[in-house]
Amino acid sequence: MPATLPESLAAYFTAKNRHDIDAMLDPFLEDAVVEDEGQTRRGRAAIREWMEETTRKYRVTVEVIDVAEAEATTIVTGLVAGNFPGSPAQLRYAFTLDGGRIARLEIH
């Protein structure tokens, strides 16, 4: 992974590639928000449900190919492979961090 990837995001992607839900959830703040597939999840319980559902359904892995800063957001571009039509696909993960932890994640 690029050296510019913040520690919490490196931990998130490492856990995502291992399909380790507990470790994926660890960097998120208690009141974090995730937007993915047209839905918004608020709070760690809802985010855990999203992680469990999408991990079971898609079994994705992500190869980080770029990291950029835009205002208060870290944009991670990843090559995502898994059980979905068009795999692999390039997706953008827009993270907002607060105190080094994930406050918001938007996936496009």
N, C-alpha and C. Protein backbone atom coordinates (compact mmCIF):
# COMPACT_ATOMS: atom_id res chain seq x y z
N MET A 1 0.85 -1.18 0.00
CA MET A 1 0.00 0.00 0.00
C MET A 1 0.88 1.23 0.00
N PRO A 2 0.40 2.32 -0.60
CA PRO A 2 1.19 3.54 -0.63
C PRO A 2 1.51 4.04 0.78
N ALA A 3 2.66 4.65 0.94
CA ALA A 3 3.10 5.14 2.24
C ALA A 3 2.19 6.24 2.77
N THR A 4 1.47 6.93 1.89
CA THR A 4 0.62 8.02 2.32
C THR A 4 -0.72 7.56 2.89
N LEU A 5 -1.00 6.28 2.89
CA LEU A 5 -2.26 5.78 3.43
C LEU A 5 -2.23 5.89 4.95
N PRO A 6 -3.17 6.65 5.55
CA PRO A 6 -3.20 6.76 7.01
C PRO A 6 -3.32 5.39 7.67
N GLU A 7 -2.80 5.28 8.87
CA GLU A 7 -2.75 3.99 9.59
C GLU A 7 -4.12 3.34 9.72
N SER A 8 -5.16 4.11 10.06
CA SER A 8 -6.49 3.52 10.23
C SER A 8 -7.03 2.97 8.91
N LEU A 9 -6.69 3.62 7.81
CA LEU A 9 -7.16 3.13 6.51
C LEU A 9 -6.38 1.91 6.06
N ALA A 10 -5.09 1.89 6.35
CA ALA A 10 -4.30 0.69 6.05
C ALA A 10 -4.86 -0.50 6.84
N ALA A 11 -5.22 -0.28 8.09
CA ALA A 11 -5.79 -1.35 8.91
C ALA A 11 -7.13 -1.81 8.34
N TYR A 12 -7.95 -0.86 7.90
CA TYR A 12 -9.25 -1.19 7.32
C TYR A 12 -9.08 -2.08 6.09
N PHE A 13 -8.22 -1.68 5.15
CA PHE A 13 -8.07 -2.45 3.91
C PHE A 13 -7.40 -3.80 4.16
N THR A 14 -6.48 -3.87 5.09
CA THR A 14 -5.87 -5.16 5.44
C THR A 14 -6.94 -6.11 5.97
N ALA A 15 -7.78 -5.61 6.88
CA ALA A 15 -8.85 -6.43 7.45
C ALA A 15 -9.88 -6.80 6.39
N LYS A 16 -10.19 -5.87 5.49
CA LYS A 16 -11.16 -6.13 4.42
C LYS A 16 -10.68 -7.28 3.54
N ASN A 17 -9.40 -7.28 3.22
CA ASN A 17 -8.86 -8.34 2.37
C ASN A 17 -8.80 -9.69 3.08
N ARG A 18 -8.82 -9.67 4.41
CA ARG A 18 -8.87 -10.92 5.20
C ARG A 18 -10.31 -11.31 5.53
N HIS A 19 -11.26 -10.43 5.19
CA HIS A 19 -12.68 -10.62 5.52
C HIS A 19 -12.88 -10.72 7.03
N ASP A 20 -12.14 -9.91 7.78
CA ASP A 20 -12.17 -9.88 9.24
C ASP A 20 -13.05 -8.71 9.69
N ILE A 21 -14.31 -8.98 9.96
CA ILE A 21 -15.29 -7.94 10.26
C ILE A 21 -14.90 -7.13 11.49
N ASP A 22 -14.49 -7.78 12.58
CA ASP A 22 -14.12 -7.05 13.79
C ASP A 22 -12.99 -6.06 13.53
N ALA A 23 -11.98 -6.51 12.80
CA ALA A 23 -10.84 -5.63 12.51
C ALA A 23 -11.23 -4.55 11.50
N MET A 24 -12.15 -4.84 10.59
CA MET A 24 -12.63 -3.81 9.65
C MET A 24 -13.36 -2.71 10.39
N LEU A 25 -14.14 -3.08 11.39
CA LEU A 25 -14.96 -2.13 12.14
C LEU A 25 -14.13 -1.30 13.12
N ASP A 26 -13.04 -1.84 13.59
CA ASP A 26 -12.25 -1.19 14.64
C ASP A 26 -11.88 0.26 14.36
N PRO A 27 -11.47 0.66 13.13
CA PRO A 27 -11.08 2.06 12.91
C PRO A 27 -12.24 3.06 12.87
N PHE A 28 -13.49 2.59 12.88
CA PHE A 28 -14.65 3.47 12.76
C PHE A 28 -15.05 4.05 14.11
N LEU A 29 -15.40 5.34 14.10
CA LEU A 29 -15.95 5.97 15.29
C LEU A 29 -17.33 5.39 15.60
N GLU A 30 -17.77 5.53 16.82
CA GLU A 30 -19.06 4.99 17.26
C GLU A 30 -20.22 5.54 16.42
N ASP A 31 -20.14 6.82 16.04
CA ASP A 31 -21.23 7.46 15.29
C ASP A 31 -20.88 7.66 13.81
N ALA A 32 -20.00 6.84 13.28
CA ALA A 32 -19.57 6.95 11.88
C ALA A 32 -20.74 6.71 10.93
N VAL A 33 -20.54 7.17 9.69
CA VAL A 33 -21.55 7.03 8.63
C VAL A 33 -20.87 6.39 7.42
N VAL A 34 -21.58 5.42 6.80
CA VAL A 34 -21.10 4.80 5.56
C VAL A 34 -22.19 4.95 4.51
N GLU A 35 -21.79 5.41 3.32
CA GLU A 35 -22.70 5.47 2.17
C GLU A 35 -22.15 4.55 1.10
N ASP A 36 -22.98 3.58 0.70
CA ASP A 36 -22.59 2.60 -0.31
C ASP A 36 -23.85 2.04 -0.96
N GLU A 37 -23.79 1.80 -2.25
CA GLU A 37 -24.90 1.22 -3.01
C GLU A 37 -26.22 1.97 -2.77
N GLY A 38 -26.16 3.30 -2.68
CA GLY A 38 -27.35 4.12 -2.51
C GLY A 38 -27.97 4.09 -1.14
N GLN A 39 -27.29 3.50 -0.16
CA GLN A 39 -27.82 3.43 1.19
C GLN A 39 -26.85 4.09 2.17
N THR A 40 -27.42 4.61 3.26
CA THR A 40 -26.63 5.24 4.31
C THR A 40 -26.78 4.42 5.59
N ARG A 41 -25.65 4.10 6.20
CA ARG A 41 -25.65 3.38 7.48
C ARG A 41 -25.02 4.30 8.51
N ARG A 42 -25.67 4.42 9.67
CA ARG A 42 -25.18 5.29 10.74
C ARG A 42 -24.93 4.48 11.99
N GLY A 43 -23.74 4.66 12.56
CA GLY A 43 -23.39 3.98 13.80
C GLY A 43 -22.75 2.63 13.54
N ARG A 44 -21.96 2.19 14.52
CA ARG A 44 -21.19 0.96 14.35
C ARG A 44 -22.05 -0.29 14.17
N ALA A 45 -23.23 -0.36 14.81
CA ALA A 45 -24.08 -1.54 14.65
C ALA A 45 -24.56 -1.66 13.20
N ALA A 46 -25.01 -0.56 12.62
CA ALA A 46 -25.47 -0.57 11.22
C ALA A 46 -24.31 -0.82 10.27
N ILE A 47 -23.15 -0.26 10.59
CA ILE A 47 -21.97 -0.47 9.74
C ILE A 47 -21.54 -1.93 9.80
N ARG A 48 -21.60 -2.54 10.97
CA ARG A 48 -21.27 -3.97 11.08
C ARG A 48 -22.20 -4.81 10.21
N GLU A 49 -23.49 -4.52 10.25
CA GLU A 49 -24.45 -5.26 9.42
C GLU A 49 -24.10 -5.12 7.94
N TRP A 50 -23.75 -3.90 7.52
CA TRP A 50 -23.35 -3.66 6.12
C TRP A 50 -22.10 -4.47 5.79
N MET A 51 -21.12 -4.46 6.68
CA MET A 51 -19.88 -5.21 6.44
C MET A 51 -20.16 -6.70 6.33
N GLU A 52 -20.98 -7.23 7.23
CA GLU A 52 -21.29 -8.66 7.21
C GLU A 52 -22.03 -9.03 5.92
N GLU A 53 -23.01 -8.21 5.55
CA GLU A 53 -23.81 -8.47 4.34
C GLU A 53 -22.95 -8.41 3.08
N THR A 54 -22.18 -7.34 2.92
CA THR A 54 -21.40 -7.19 1.70
C THR A 54 -20.24 -8.17 1.63
N THR A 55 -19.66 -8.52 2.76
CA THR A 55 -18.58 -9.50 2.77
C THR A 55 -19.11 -10.87 2.36
N ARG A 56 -20.26 -11.25 2.93
CA ARG A 56 -20.88 -12.54 2.59
C ARG A 56 -21.28 -12.57 1.11
N LYS A 57 -21.86 -11.48 0.63
CA LYS A 57 -22.39 -11.42 -0.72
C LYS A 57 -21.30 -11.32 -1.80
N TYR A 58 -20.30 -10.46 -1.58
CA TYR A 58 -19.33 -10.15 -2.63
C TYR A 58 -17.93 -10.74 -2.44
N ARG A 59 -17.54 -11.02 -1.18
CA ARG A 59 -16.21 -11.56 -0.87
C ARG A 59 -15.09 -10.77 -1.57
N VAL A 60 -15.16 -9.44 -1.49
CA VAL A 60 -14.22 -8.60 -2.22
C VAL A 60 -12.85 -8.53 -1.56
N THR A 61 -11.89 -8.25 -2.40
CA THR A 61 -10.56 -7.83 -1.97
C THR A 61 -10.29 -6.52 -2.71
N VAL A 62 -9.45 -5.69 -2.09
CA VAL A 62 -9.16 -4.38 -2.66
C VAL A 62 -7.66 -4.19 -2.75
N GLU A 63 -7.19 -3.87 -3.94
CA GLU A 63 -5.80 -3.48 -4.14
C GLU A 63 -5.78 -1.96 -4.25
N VAL A 64 -5.17 -1.31 -3.25
CA VAL A 64 -5.09 0.14 -3.26
C VAL A 64 -4.13 0.57 -4.37
N ILE A 65 -4.64 1.43 -5.28
CA ILE A 65 -3.80 1.86 -6.39
C ILE A 65 -3.48 3.35 -6.35
N ASP A 66 -4.21 4.12 -5.54
CA ASP A 66 -3.91 5.55 -5.42
C ASP A 66 -4.50 6.09 -4.13
N VAL A 67 -3.81 7.07 -3.56
CA VAL A 67 -4.28 7.77 -2.37
C VAL A 67 -4.09 9.25 -2.62
N ALA A 68 -5.14 10.04 -2.40
CA ALA A 68 -5.06 11.49 -2.61
C ALA A 68 -5.81 12.20 -1.49
N GLU A 69 -5.39 13.41 -1.19
CA GLU A 69 -6.07 14.25 -0.20
C GLU A 69 -6.87 15.31 -0.95
N ALA A 70 -8.13 15.49 -0.56
CA ALA A 70 -8.98 16.53 -1.13
C ALA A 70 -9.73 17.18 0.01
N GLU A 71 -9.32 18.41 0.36
CA GLU A 71 -9.87 19.12 1.51
C GLU A 71 -9.67 18.25 2.76
N ALA A 72 -10.75 17.89 3.44
CA ALA A 72 -10.63 17.09 4.67
C ALA A 72 -10.89 15.61 4.40
N THR A 73 -10.77 15.21 3.15
CA THR A 73 -11.11 13.84 2.75
C THR A 73 -9.90 13.14 2.17
N THR A 74 -9.74 11.87 2.52
CA THR A 74 -8.73 11.02 1.90
C THR A 74 -9.44 10.15 0.88
N ILE A 75 -9.04 10.29 -0.39
CA ILE A 75 -9.65 9.53 -1.47
C ILE A 75 -8.73 8.36 -1.80
N VAL A 76 -9.25 7.15 -1.65
CA VAL A 76 -8.50 5.94 -1.97
C VAL A 76 -9.14 5.30 -3.19
N THR A 77 -8.35 5.12 -4.23
CA THR A 77 -8.82 4.41 -5.42
C THR A 77 -8.33 2.98 -5.31
N GLY A 78 -9.26 2.05 -5.47
CA GLY A 78 -8.89 0.65 -5.33
C GLY A 78 -9.42 -0.20 -6.47
N LEU A 79 -8.66 -1.23 -6.80
CA LEU A 79 -9.11 -2.23 -7.75
C LEU A 79 -9.80 -3.31 -6.93
N VAL A 80 -11.11 -3.41 -7.09
CA VAL A 80 -11.94 -4.28 -6.26
C VAL A 80 -12.30 -5.53 -7.06
N ALA A 81 -11.99 -6.68 -6.50
CA ALA A 81 -12.32 -7.95 -7.13
C ALA A 81 -13.18 -8.76 -6.18
N GLY A 82 -14.15 -9.47 -6.75
CA GLY A 82 -15.03 -10.29 -5.92
C GLY A 82 -16.12 -10.93 -6.74
N ASN A 83 -17.18 -11.35 -6.05
CA ASN A 83 -18.31 -12.03 -6.67
C ASN A 83 -19.38 -11.03 -7.10
N PHE A 84 -19.08 -10.27 -8.15
CA PHE A 84 -20.06 -9.33 -8.69
C PHE A 84 -19.79 -9.14 -10.18
N PRO A 85 -20.84 -8.82 -10.95
CA PRO A 85 -20.66 -8.61 -12.39
C PRO A 85 -19.66 -7.47 -12.64
N GLY A 86 -18.78 -7.66 -13.61
CA GLY A 86 -17.81 -6.64 -13.96
C GLY A 86 -16.55 -6.66 -13.12
N SER A 87 -16.41 -7.66 -12.25
CA SER A 87 -15.21 -7.77 -11.42
C SER A 87 -14.01 -8.10 -12.29
N PRO A 88 -12.89 -7.48 -12.04
CA PRO A 88 -12.62 -6.43 -11.06
C PRO A 88 -13.06 -5.07 -11.58
N ALA A 89 -13.32 -4.16 -10.64
CA ALA A 89 -13.75 -2.80 -10.96
C ALA A 89 -12.96 -1.81 -10.12
N GLN A 90 -12.80 -0.63 -10.64
CA GLN A 90 -12.10 0.42 -9.90
C GLN A 90 -13.14 1.25 -9.15
N LEU A 91 -12.98 1.36 -7.83
CA LEU A 91 -13.90 2.13 -7.00
C LEU A 91 -13.11 3.19 -6.24
N ARG A 92 -13.83 4.25 -5.86
CA ARG A 92 -13.24 5.31 -5.03
C ARG A 92 -13.86 5.25 -3.64
N TYR A 93 -13.01 5.26 -2.65
CA TYR A 93 -13.41 5.29 -1.25
C TYR A 93 -13.05 6.67 -0.71
N ALA A 94 -14.05 7.45 -0.32
CA ALA A 94 -13.81 8.78 0.24
C ALA A 94 -13.98 8.70 1.75
N PHE A 95 -12.86 8.85 2.46
CA PHE A 95 -12.84 8.75 3.92
C PHE A 95 -12.70 10.13 4.55
N THR A 96 -13.49 10.38 5.59
CA THR A 96 -13.30 11.54 6.43
C THR A 96 -12.83 11.01 7.78
N LEU A 97 -11.68 11.49 8.23
CA LEU A 97 -11.12 11.02 9.49
C LEU A 97 -11.32 12.07 10.58
N ASP A 98 -11.42 11.59 11.80
CA ASP A 98 -11.53 12.46 12.97
C ASP A 98 -10.65 11.84 14.05
N GLY A 99 -9.57 12.53 14.39
CA GLY A 99 -8.64 11.97 15.38
C GLY A 99 -7.99 10.69 14.91
N GLY A 100 -7.82 10.54 13.61
CA GLY A 100 -7.19 9.35 13.05
C GLY A 100 -8.15 8.18 12.84
N ARG A 101 -9.40 8.34 13.25
CA ARG A 101 -10.40 7.27 13.09
C ARG A 101 -11.38 7.66 12.00
N ILE A 102 -12.08 6.67 11.44
CA ILE A 102 -13.00 6.91 10.34
C ILE A 102 -14.32 7.45 10.86
N ALA A 103 -14.67 8.67 10.41
CA ALA A 103 -15.94 9.28 10.76
C ALA A 103 -16.97 9.07 9.65
N ARG A 104 -16.48 9.00 8.41
CA ARG A 104 -17.38 8.86 7.26
C ARG A 104 -16.66 8.12 6.13
N LEU A 105 -17.40 7.26 5.44
CA LEU A 105 -16.91 6.56 4.27
C LEU A 105 -17.98 6.60 3.21
N GLU A 106 -17.61 7.09 2.02
CA GLU A 106 -18.50 7.07 0.86
C GLU A 106 -17.80 6.27 -0.23
N ILE A 107 -18.51 5.28 -0.78
CA ILE A 107 -17.93 4.41 -1.81
C ILE A 107 -18.65 4.68 -3.12
N HIS A 108 -17.83 4.98 -4.15
CA HIS A 108 -18.36 5.27 -5.50
C HIS A 108 -17.63 4.45 -6.53
